[in-house]
């Protein structure tokens, strides 16, 4: 938990079974993801490295704010499932 008792987001996206829509990365949320939040920690990762948290509509802003406050958020894009080729 973070200071103030607010649960921190999941540090890894929960794995979905084959053919299942991946869920939001917010701890305890099982809602299908609608957004991909691309981020990196500049103290640990090279500038081109991107890690991904997934977010539902309800938690997109919360997760983006969490990453932005730390200087980690690089980009927010719509998440498409299944991934589109080409």
Protein backbone atom coordinates (compact mmCIF):
# COMPACT_ATOMS: atom_id res chain seq x y z
CA UNK A 1 0.00 0.00 0.00
CA UNK A 2 1.00 3.58 -0.59
CA UNK A 3 1.12 6.23 2.09
CA UNK A 4 -2.39 7.12 3.16
CA UNK A 5 -3.65 3.57 2.74
CA UNK A 6 -4.31 3.78 -1.00
CA UNK A 7 -3.62 0.43 -2.68
CA UNK A 8 -0.83 0.67 -5.25
CA UNK A 9 -1.55 -0.52 -8.78
CA UNK A 10 -0.52 -4.01 -9.77
CA UNK A 11 3.12 -3.98 -10.73
CA UNK A 12 2.54 -6.46 -13.53
CA UNK A 13 -0.49 -6.90 -15.70
CA UNK A 14 -2.49 -9.93 -14.64
CA UNK A 15 -2.19 -12.74 -17.13
CA UNK A 16 -5.26 -13.74 -19.05
CA UNK A 17 -5.93 -17.22 -20.31
CA UNK A 18 -5.83 -18.02 -24.02
CA UNK A 19 -8.44 -15.94 -25.83
CA UNK A 20 -9.39 -13.98 -22.68
CA UNK A 21 -9.32 -10.18 -22.78
CA UNK A 22 -6.52 -8.97 -20.44
CA UNK A 23 -7.78 -7.11 -17.35
CA UNK A 24 -6.92 -3.69 -15.97
CA UNK A 25 -3.63 -3.49 -14.02
CA UNK A 26 -5.23 -1.66 -11.08
CA UNK A 27 -4.98 -3.91 -8.05
CA UNK A 28 -8.17 -5.90 -7.59
CA UNK A 29 -9.75 -4.75 -10.87
CA UNK A 30 -10.83 -7.49 -13.29
CA UNK A 31 -12.47 -5.17 -15.85
CA UNK A 32 -11.23 -5.70 -19.42
CA UNK A 33 -8.48 -3.26 -20.40
CA UNK A 34 -9.27 -0.42 -22.80
CA UNK A 35 -6.00 1.55 -22.55
CA UNK A 36 -2.26 0.80 -22.64
CA UNK A 37 -0.10 3.05 -20.46
CA UNK A 38 3.49 2.93 -21.73
CA UNK A 39 6.11 3.89 -19.18
CA UNK A 40 9.67 3.51 -18.02
CA UNK A 41 11.74 4.38 -14.98
CA UNK A 42 14.62 6.51 -16.35
CA UNK A 43 16.85 5.48 -13.44
CA UNK A 44 16.47 1.79 -14.38
CA UNK A 45 15.53 1.61 -18.07
CA UNK A 46 17.08 2.85 -21.29
CA UNK A 47 15.12 5.74 -22.90
CA UNK A 48 13.62 3.52 -25.61
CA UNK A 49 12.45 0.79 -23.19
CA UNK A 50 8.69 0.70 -22.56
CA UNK A 51 6.81 -1.24 -19.93
CA UNK A 52 3.03 -1.51 -20.12
CA UNK A 53 0.22 -1.25 -17.64
CA UNK A 54 -3.30 -1.87 -18.89
CA UNK A 55 -6.23 0.25 -17.74
CA UNK A 56 -10.01 0.10 -17.90
CA UNK A 57 -11.97 3.31 -18.49
CA UNK A 58 -12.51 3.81 -14.75
CA UNK A 59 -8.83 3.52 -13.77
CA UNK A 60 -7.05 5.12 -16.77
CA UNK A 61 -6.70 8.54 -15.17
CA UNK A 62 -5.73 7.11 -11.75
CA UNK A 63 -2.97 4.91 -13.21
CA UNK A 64 -1.74 7.70 -15.52
CA UNK A 65 -1.56 10.12 -12.57
CA UNK A 66 0.32 7.52 -10.51
CA UNK A 67 2.95 7.13 -13.26
CA UNK A 68 3.08 10.84 -14.15
CA UNK A 69 3.70 11.88 -10.56
CA UNK A 70 6.85 9.74 -10.61
CA UNK A 71 7.97 10.96 -14.04
CA UNK A 72 7.46 7.50 -15.59
CA UNK A 73 4.50 7.93 -18.00
CA UNK A 74 5.53 8.14 -21.66
CA UNK A 75 2.33 7.51 -23.63
CA UNK A 76 -1.31 6.42 -23.32
CA UNK A 77 -2.80 4.57 -26.29
CA UNK A 78 -6.02 2.63 -26.90
CA UNK A 79 -5.58 -1.08 -26.16
CA UNK A 80 -6.89 -3.38 -28.85
CA UNK A 81 -7.69 -7.03 -28.17
CA UNK A 82 -6.96 -9.17 -29.97
CA UNK A 83 -3.97 -7.18 -31.29
CA UNK A 84 -4.41 -5.99 -34.85
CA UNK A 85 -1.78 -7.09 -37.32
CA UNK A 86 -0.07 -4.90 -39.85
